[in-house]
């Protein structure tokens, strides 16, 4: 399509995420919200009235009747397959929330439908746009951390997410979308992107104590990636209600030449690092080398500071004893890659006829890892990922 034409979009699902997509589209100068579909008539009508769009209770009818270029699919995690495939068959570009799918067979079907129709299918892996993980990706890509050894990702939700977040349907939703799907989809994708490696084997355990067996409380998984890169994923959604943050996490990445560590809280690409990102290097690192790394990060819109080692308790900077870099959280980072925002990137790809940064294949690989975690926890076996 011509780059000056508005992209006409429809939204399937008028819940929390569907509403977020509509609000984004209403602010984007190159997007027109044409229609919104939700099985709850009142929800569809309310959101449609705010956007000046048409409301539907049947997304298939919407896809048939409306002159749409693209759709945002914001249905529950386990109900992505049919709307994605149907939209693809109708020739619409599709942005689908993570997790891509909760079954490998469905993920493969979505990829095949998109390829057959020749449409763009993007997955909403929003945490790829968070400056801290972009920094980790750059450090690995440029070789500053050396060969990757291991990583630990801890990702927590409060217990009110599976019990209350989606209203009366919360338990039904949680039963069909485990914490491995809900948060593990973020983490498995991030590790693939940051490391540039594919998963080879998965071993996992789960626990079921707090949620009455409706869905596992937590998963602990060891995922081995190419090059014997060992990744530990700790996923749970039974954190106490009194915790101030609905979601939080910890990320540790170890290489032969350096370490990255951070903790964070928040949702999607709006997460906030508690103390910023700390980057440490083995051995002596020259100031010129640190300035070089700072420059690479700055190219991505990320500001960093040199961390100086104190000697004999003196708070003096010693240019020969630099320790590493600190990427503070209290300054405005402006991540530059891929339009700085997943939804804006999707619109850009449609206008410029470019392939999405978070592709359908990325979604399939994420689904394979998460499904292997669930299968391993259920069977007690090590799962090999064969492609």
Protein backbone atom coordinates (compact mmCIF):
# COMPACT_ATOMS: atom_id res chain seq x y z
CA UNK A 1 0.00 0.00 0.00
CA UNK A 2 1.08 3.57 -0.50
CA UNK A 3 2.98 4.97 2.47
CA UNK A 4 0.54 7.90 2.75
CA UNK A 5 -2.59 5.79 2.99
CA UNK A 6 -4.14 5.14 6.36
CA UNK A 7 -4.05 1.55 7.55
CA UNK A 8 -7.61 0.41 8.24
CA UNK A 9 -7.68 -1.90 11.22
CA UNK A 10 -10.09 -4.09 13.12
CA UNK A 11 -9.61 -5.37 16.66
CA UNK A 12 -10.75 -8.82 17.78
CA UNK A 13 -11.27 -8.81 21.54
CA UNK A 14 -12.36 -5.78 23.55
CA UNK A 15 -10.72 -6.65 26.86
CA UNK A 16 -7.63 -5.16 28.49
CA UNK A 17 -5.27 -5.71 25.55
CA UNK A 18 -7.84 -5.04 22.85
CA UNK A 19 -8.59 -1.70 24.50
CA UNK A 20 -4.86 -0.93 24.56
CA UNK A 21 -4.61 -1.60 20.82
CA UNK A 22 -7.59 0.63 20.08
CA UNK A 23 -6.13 3.50 22.11
CA UNK A 24 -2.82 3.15 20.27
CA UNK A 25 -4.55 3.16 16.89
CA UNK A 26 -6.62 6.22 17.77
CA UNK A 27 -3.42 8.18 18.45
CA UNK A 28 -1.54 7.00 15.36
CA UNK A 29 -1.89 9.47 12.45
CA UNK A 30 -1.70 6.71 9.84
CA UNK A 31 -4.28 4.36 11.36
CA UNK A 32 -8.08 4.28 11.19
CA UNK A 33 -10.01 2.02 13.57
CA UNK A 34 -12.80 0.65 11.40
CA UNK A 35 -14.37 -2.11 13.50
CA UNK A 36 -14.19 -3.95 16.83
CA UNK A 37 -15.46 -7.45 17.59
CA UNK A 38 -16.12 -9.11 20.93
CA UNK A 39 -18.51 -11.90 21.94
CA UNK A 40 -19.82 -9.58 24.67
CA UNK A 41 -21.97 -7.13 22.75
CA UNK A 42 -21.80 -4.35 25.34
CA UNK A 43 -17.99 -4.41 25.44
CA UNK A 44 -17.72 -4.23 21.66
CA UNK A 45 -20.23 -1.39 21.44
CA UNK A 46 -18.62 0.64 24.23
CA UNK A 47 -15.12 0.46 22.76
CA UNK A 48 -16.40 0.99 19.22
CA UNK A 49 -18.29 4.13 20.27
CA UNK A 50 -15.09 5.57 21.75
CA UNK A 51 -13.21 4.89 18.53
CA UNK A 52 -15.98 5.86 16.11
CA UNK A 53 -15.97 2.32 14.75
CA UNK A 54 -18.51 -0.38 13.98
CA UNK A 55 -19.20 -3.08 16.58
CA UNK A 56 -19.60 -6.82 15.99
CA UNK A 57 -20.13 -9.90 18.13
CA UNK A 58 -18.86 -12.18 15.35
CA UNK A 59 -15.33 -11.44 14.14
CA UNK A 60 -15.89 -13.55 11.02
CA UNK A 61 -18.73 -11.26 10.00
CA UNK A 62 -16.48 -8.26 10.64
CA UNK A 63 -13.72 -9.72 8.46
CA UNK A 64 -16.19 -10.38 5.63
CA UNK A 65 -17.98 -7.03 5.69
CA UNK A 66 -15.37 -4.43 6.61
CA UNK A 67 -12.64 -3.08 4.27
CA UNK A 68 -9.78 -3.91 6.63
CA UNK A 69 -6.06 -3.95 5.91
CA UNK A 70 -5.09 -5.50 9.23
CA UNK A 71 -6.40 -6.85 12.52
CA UNK A 72 -5.13 -6.96 16.09
CA UNK A 73 -6.03 -10.28 17.72
CA UNK A 74 -6.47 -9.86 21.48
CA UNK A 75 -8.46 -12.96 22.38
CA UNK A 76 -7.46 -15.17 25.36
CA UNK A 77 -4.12 -16.97 24.97
CA UNK A 78 -5.64 -20.32 24.02
CA UNK A 79 -8.03 -18.79 21.45
CA UNK A 80 -5.60 -17.29 18.93
CA UNK A 81 -5.65 -19.97 16.25
CA UNK A 82 -9.06 -19.51 14.63
CA UNK A 83 -9.12 -15.68 14.40
CA UNK A 84 -5.52 -15.57 13.13
CA UNK A 85 -6.11 -18.23 10.46
CA UNK A 86 -9.47 -16.76 9.44
CA UNK A 87 -8.01 -13.25 9.14
CA UNK A 88 -5.11 -14.60 7.07
CA UNK A 89 -7.51 -16.41 4.75
CA UNK A 90 -9.35 -13.12 4.29
CA UNK A 91 -6.07 -11.48 3.28
CA UNK A 92 -5.64 -9.32 6.40
CA UNK A 93 -2.30 -8.63 8.05
CA UNK A 94 -2.32 -9.83 11.66
CA UNK A 95 -0.80 -8.69 14.95
CA UNK A 96 -1.39 -11.33 17.63
CA UNK A 97 -0.63 -11.10 21.32
CA UNK A 98 1.91 -13.37 22.95
CA UNK A 99 1.86 -16.28 23.53
CA UNK A 100 1.65 -17.03 19.84
CA UNK A 101 -0.27 -20.23 20.61
CA UNK A 102 -0.60 -22.75 23.42
CA UNK A 103 -0.22 -25.80 21.16
CA UNK A 104 2.55 -26.48 18.65
CA UNK A 105 0.09 -27.82 16.07
CA UNK A 106 -1.87 -24.58 16.17
CA UNK A 107 1.30 -22.50 15.92
CA UNK A 108 2.35 -24.42 12.81
CA UNK A 109 -1.12 -23.94 11.32
CA UNK A 110 -0.93 -20.19 11.88
CA UNK A 111 2.48 -19.98 10.21
CA UNK A 112 1.24 -22.01 7.23
CA UNK A 113 -1.90 -19.88 6.87
CA UNK A 114 0.13 -16.66 6.86
CA UNK A 115 2.63 -18.00 4.34
CA UNK A 116 -0.11 -19.30 2.04
CA UNK A 117 -1.99 -15.99 2.14
CA UNK A 118 1.14 -13.87 1.80
CA UNK A 119 0.19 -11.68 4.76
CA UNK A 120 2.34 -10.27 7.55
CA UNK A 121 1.90 -12.05 10.87
CA UNK A 122 3.56 -10.35 13.84
CA UNK A 123 3.70 -11.52 17.45
CA UNK A 124 3.45 -8.99 20.29
CA UNK A 125 6.70 -9.79 22.09
CA UNK A 126 6.73 -6.32 23.63
CA UNK A 127 9.60 -6.92 26.06
CA UNK A 128 12.05 -6.94 23.14
CA UNK A 129 11.61 -3.15 23.10
CA UNK A 130 12.56 -2.65 26.75
CA UNK A 131 15.91 -0.84 26.90
CA UNK A 132 17.44 -3.29 29.39
CA UNK A 133 16.92 -6.32 27.16
CA UNK A 134 17.93 -4.36 24.08
CA UNK A 135 21.18 -3.56 25.91
CA UNK A 136 21.76 -7.26 26.66
CA UNK A 137 21.11 -8.09 23.00
CA UNK A 138 23.65 -5.50 21.83
CA UNK A 139 26.30 -6.69 24.31
CA UNK A 140 25.91 -10.28 23.09
CA UNK A 141 25.68 -9.35 19.42
CA UNK A 142 28.89 -7.32 19.56
CA UNK A 143 30.74 -10.04 21.48
CA UNK A 144 31.40 -7.97 24.61
CA UNK A 145 30.31 -10.77 26.96
CA UNK A 146 32.33 -13.49 25.25
CA UNK A 147 30.85 -16.96 24.86
CA UNK A 148 27.55 -17.34 26.71
CA UNK A 149 27.62 -19.71 29.68
CA UNK A 150 24.28 -19.45 31.46
CA UNK A 151 21.30 -17.23 32.23
CA UNK A 152 18.63 -17.06 34.90
CA UNK A 153 15.22 -15.49 34.40
CA UNK A 154 12.76 -15.19 37.28
CA UNK A 155 9.31 -13.90 36.34
CA UNK A 156 6.51 -13.49 38.90
CA UNK A 157 2.84 -12.53 38.88
CA UNK A 158 0.75 -11.88 41.96
CA UNK A 159 -1.85 -14.53 42.69
CA UNK A 160 -4.68 -12.17 41.78
CA UNK A 161 -3.67 -12.50 38.10
CA UNK A 162 -4.92 -16.11 37.71
CA UNK A 163 -7.68 -15.68 40.29
CA UNK A 164 -9.17 -12.25 39.59
CA UNK A 165 -7.59 -10.31 36.70
CA UNK A 166 -10.07 -11.46 34.06
CA UNK A 167 -13.18 -11.25 36.23
CA UNK A 168 -15.58 -14.23 36.45
CA UNK A 169 -13.69 -16.00 33.66
CA UNK A 170 -10.30 -15.84 35.42
CA UNK A 171 -10.14 -19.48 36.50
CA UNK A 172 -11.32 -20.72 33.11
CA UNK A 173 -8.68 -18.59 31.42
CA UNK A 174 -5.94 -19.72 33.85
CA UNK A 175 -6.90 -23.38 33.37
CA UNK A 176 -6.25 -23.07 29.64
CA UNK A 177 -3.26 -20.72 29.79
CA UNK A 178 -0.56 -21.68 32.26
CA UNK A 179 2.08 -19.37 33.69
CA UNK A 180 4.46 -21.07 31.24
CA UNK A 181 2.32 -19.68 28.41
CA UNK A 182 1.55 -16.32 30.00
CA UNK A 183 5.03 -15.25 31.16
CA UNK A 184 7.24 -18.03 29.81
CA UNK A 185 6.41 -16.89 26.28
CA UNK A 186 8.13 -13.57 27.00
CA UNK A 187 11.17 -15.18 28.58
CA UNK A 188 11.74 -17.94 26.03
CA UNK A 189 11.50 -15.41 23.21
CA UNK A 190 13.82 -12.94 24.93
CA UNK A 191 16.52 -15.55 25.45
CA UNK A 192 16.31 -16.64 21.79
CA UNK A 193 16.58 -13.04 20.62
CA UNK A 194 19.31 -11.94 23.04
CA UNK A 195 21.48 -15.02 22.49
CA UNK A 196 20.77 -15.62 18.81
CA UNK A 197 20.57 -19.35 19.60
CA UNK A 198 17.93 -22.05 19.37
CA UNK A 199 16.79 -24.29 22.21
CA UNK A 200 17.80 -27.96 22.04
CA UNK A 201 16.51 -29.67 25.21
CA UNK A 202 14.09 -28.85 28.03
CA UNK A 203 13.65 -30.32 31.50
CA UNK A 204 11.02 -28.86 33.83
CA UNK A 205 9.11 -29.35 37.06
CA UNK A 206 5.87 -27.74 38.21
CA UNK A 207 4.09 -27.28 41.55
CA UNK A 208 0.37 -27.08 42.39
CA UNK A 209 -0.41 -25.99 45.94
CA UNK A 210 -1.91 -22.50 46.06
CA UNK A 211 -4.36 -22.56 43.13
CA UNK A 212 -6.16 -25.77 44.02
CA UNK A 213 -4.96 -27.67 40.98
CA UNK A 214 -6.81 -25.39 38.55
CA UNK A 215 -3.47 -24.59 36.94
CA UNK A 216 0.15 -25.07 38.07
CA UNK A 217 1.40 -22.49 40.56
CA UNK A 218 4.88 -22.42 39.06
CA UNK A 219 7.30 -23.98 36.60
CA UNK A 220 11.05 -24.33 36.96
CA UNK A 221 12.77 -25.22 33.71
CA UNK A 222 16.31 -25.84 32.50
CA UNK A 223 16.55 -25.08 28.80
CA UNK A 224 19.75 -25.94 26.97
CA UNK A 225 20.46 -23.82 23.90
CA UNK A 226 22.99 -24.30 21.13
CA UNK A 227 26.60 -24.11 22.27
CA UNK A 228 25.77 -25.59 25.70
CA UNK A 229 24.18 -22.31 26.82
CA UNK A 230 22.21 -23.23 29.96
CA UNK A 231 19.11 -21.18 30.84
CA UNK A 232 17.09 -21.46 34.04
CA UNK A 233 13.49 -20.19 33.86
CA UNK A 234 11.58 -19.69 37.12
CA UNK A 235 7.94 -18.81 36.44
CA UNK A 236 5.20 -18.36 39.02
CA UNK A 237 1.91 -16.55 39.51
CA UNK A 238 1.28 -17.09 43.20
CA UNK A 239 3.16 -14.09 44.64
CA UNK A 240 1.37 -12.51 47.61
CA UNK A 241 -1.42 -10.00 46.96
CA UNK A 242 0.28 -7.51 49.27
CA UNK A 243 3.27 -7.14 46.94
CA UNK A 244 3.29 -3.62 45.49
CA UNK A 245 3.95 -4.76 41.92
CA UNK A 246 1.60 -6.96 39.92
CA UNK A 247 4.53 -8.45 38.02
CA UNK A 248 8.29 -8.40 38.54
CA UNK A 249 11.40 -10.32 37.61
CA UNK A 250 15.15 -10.82 37.66
CA UNK A 251 17.52 -11.37 34.74
CA UNK A 252 21.11 -12.62 35.05
CA UNK A 253 23.32 -13.35 32.03
CA UNK A 254 26.82 -14.79 32.29
CA UNK A 255 29.47 -14.92 29.59
CA UNK A 256 33.15 -15.80 29.59
CA UNK A 257 34.02 -12.10 29.52
CA UNK A 258 31.17 -10.36 31.31
CA UNK A 259 27.93 -10.38 33.30
CA UNK A 260 24.61 -8.54 32.93
CA UNK A 261 22.13 -8.27 35.79
CA UNK A 262 18.90 -6.42 36.47
CA UNK A 263 15.60 -6.64 38.29
CA UNK A 264 12.39 -5.07 37.03
CA UNK A 265 8.67 -4.65 37.48
CA UNK A 266 5.87 -3.74 35.11
CA UNK A 267 4.15 -5.06 32.00
CA UNK A 268 5.24 -5.61 28.40
CA UNK A 269 7.51 -2.91 26.99
CA UNK A 270 6.48 -0.56 29.83
CA UNK A 271 8.53 -2.44 32.42
CA UNK A 272 10.70 -0.44 34.82
CA UNK A 273 14.10 -1.54 36.10
CA UNK A 274 14.46 -1.20 39.86
CA UNK A 275 18.14 -0.25 39.98
CA UNK A 276 19.03 -0.09 36.32
CA UNK A 277 21.17 -2.55 34.38
CA UNK A 278 24.58 -3.50 35.74
CA UNK A 279 27.25 -4.73 33.33
CA UNK A 280 30.53 -6.11 34.67
CA UNK A 281 33.58 -7.39 32.82
CA UNK A 282 36.30 -9.89 33.67
CA UNK A 283 39.86 -8.59 33.93
CA UNK A 284 41.06 -5.10 33.13
CA UNK A 285 38.90 -3.13 30.71
CA UNK A 286 40.39 0.01 29.19
CA UNK A 287 38.47 3.25 29.26
CA UNK A 288 38.60 3.29 25.46
CA UNK A 289 36.90 -0.11 25.39
CA UNK A 290 34.18 1.12 27.75
CA UNK A 291 33.63 4.22 25.62
CA UNK A 292 33.34 1.96 22.57
CA UNK A 293 30.63 -0.09 24.30
CA UNK A 294 28.86 3.07 25.43
CA UNK A 295 28.82 4.23 21.83
CA UNK A 296 27.23 0.99 20.61
CA UNK A 297 24.51 1.28 23.25
CA UNK A 298 23.93 4.94 22.44
CA UNK A 299 23.35 4.02 18.79
CA UNK A 300 20.31 2.09 20.07
CA UNK A 301 19.11 5.04 22.18
CA UNK A 302 20.49 3.68 25.46
CA UNK A 303 22.49 5.88 27.83
CA UNK A 304 25.08 4.32 30.14
CA UNK A 305 27.61 5.38 32.78
CA UNK A 306 31.07 4.05 33.58
CA UNK A 307 31.27 2.33 36.98
CA UNK A 308 34.53 3.02 38.79
CA UNK A 309 36.08 0.70 41.35
CA UNK A 310 36.88 2.35 44.68
CA UNK A 311 40.32 1.63 46.08
CA UNK A 312 41.08 1.42 49.82
CA UNK A 313 37.69 2.89 50.62
CA UNK A 314 38.35 6.14 48.77
CA UNK A 315 35.51 7.40 46.58
CA UNK A 316 37.91 8.51 43.87
CA UNK A 317 37.76 7.64 40.23
CA UNK A 318 40.72 5.59 39.12
CA UNK A 319 40.84 5.49 35.33
CA UNK A 320 42.85 2.28 35.50
CA UNK A 321 40.35 0.43 37.71
CA UNK A 322 37.07 0.75 35.85
CA UNK A 323 34.65 -2.09 36.66
CA UNK A 324 31.96 -1.90 34.03
CA UNK A 325 28.87 0.01 32.96
CA UNK A 326 25.68 1.07 34.67
CA UNK A 327 22.56 1.76 32.62
CA UNK A 328 20.37 3.81 34.97
CA UNK A 329 16.60 3.58 35.03
CA UNK A 330 15.95 7.19 36.04
CA UNK A 331 16.83 8.75 32.69
CA UNK A 332 14.73 8.61 29.50
CA UNK A 333 16.05 5.92 27.18
CA UNK A 334 14.64 6.06 23.66
CA UNK A 335 15.04 2.65 22.08
CA UNK A 336 15.46 3.27 18.37
CA UNK A 337 15.20 -0.17 16.82
CA UNK A 338 12.05 -1.07 14.91
CA UNK A 339 10.17 2.21 15.41
CA UNK A 340 10.67 2.02 19.19
CA UNK A 341 7.28 0.35 19.72
CA UNK A 342 5.79 -3.02 18.65
CA UNK A 343 2.42 -1.71 17.46
CA UNK A 344 4.02 1.15 15.53
CA UNK A 345 6.43 -1.35 13.99
CA UNK A 346 3.51 -3.48 12.77
CA UNK A 347 1.94 -0.48 11.03
CA UNK A 348 5.32 0.47 9.56
CA UNK A 349 5.77 -3.05 8.13
CA UNK A 350 2.39 -2.85 6.40
CA UNK A 351 3.10 0.58 4.93
CA UNK A 352 6.63 -0.23 3.79
CA UNK A 353 6.04 -3.90 2.89
CA UNK A 354 8.70 -5.10 5.34
CA UNK A 355 8.85 -8.29 7.38
CA UNK A 356 8.03 -7.93 11.09
CA UNK A 357 10.81 -7.98 13.68
CA UNK A 358 8.82 -10.51 15.77
CA UNK A 359 7.86 -12.99 13.08
CA UNK A 360 5.51 -15.94 12.96
CA UNK A 361 8.55 -18.24 13.05
CA UNK A 362 9.63 -16.53 16.28
CA UNK A 363 6.16 -17.30 17.59
CA UNK A 364 6.44 -20.94 16.57
CA UNK A 365 9.84 -21.32 18.26
CA UNK A 366 8.50 -19.72 21.45
CA UNK A 367 5.54 -22.10 21.41
CA UNK A 368 7.82 -25.11 20.96
CA UNK A 369 9.86 -24.16 24.03
CA UNK A 370 6.84 -23.46 26.24
CA UNK A 371 5.04 -26.63 25.18
CA UNK A 372 8.21 -28.61 25.91
CA UNK A 373 8.27 -27.07 29.41
CA UNK A 374 4.68 -28.18 30.00
CA UNK A 375 5.28 -31.65 28.58
CA UNK A 376 8.46 -32.20 30.58
CA UNK A 377 6.78 -31.09 33.81
CA UNK A 378 3.91 -33.48 33.12
CA UNK A 379 5.98 -36.51 32.12
CA UNK A 380 9.22 -35.99 34.04
CA UNK A 381 11.22 -36.50 30.84
CA UNK A 382 13.84 -34.40 29.09
CA UNK A 383 12.26 -33.11 25.88
CA UNK A 384 14.39 -32.78 22.76
CA UNK A 385 13.38 -30.06 20.32
CA UNK A 386 13.80 -31.47 16.83
CA UNK A 387 13.21 -29.36 13.74
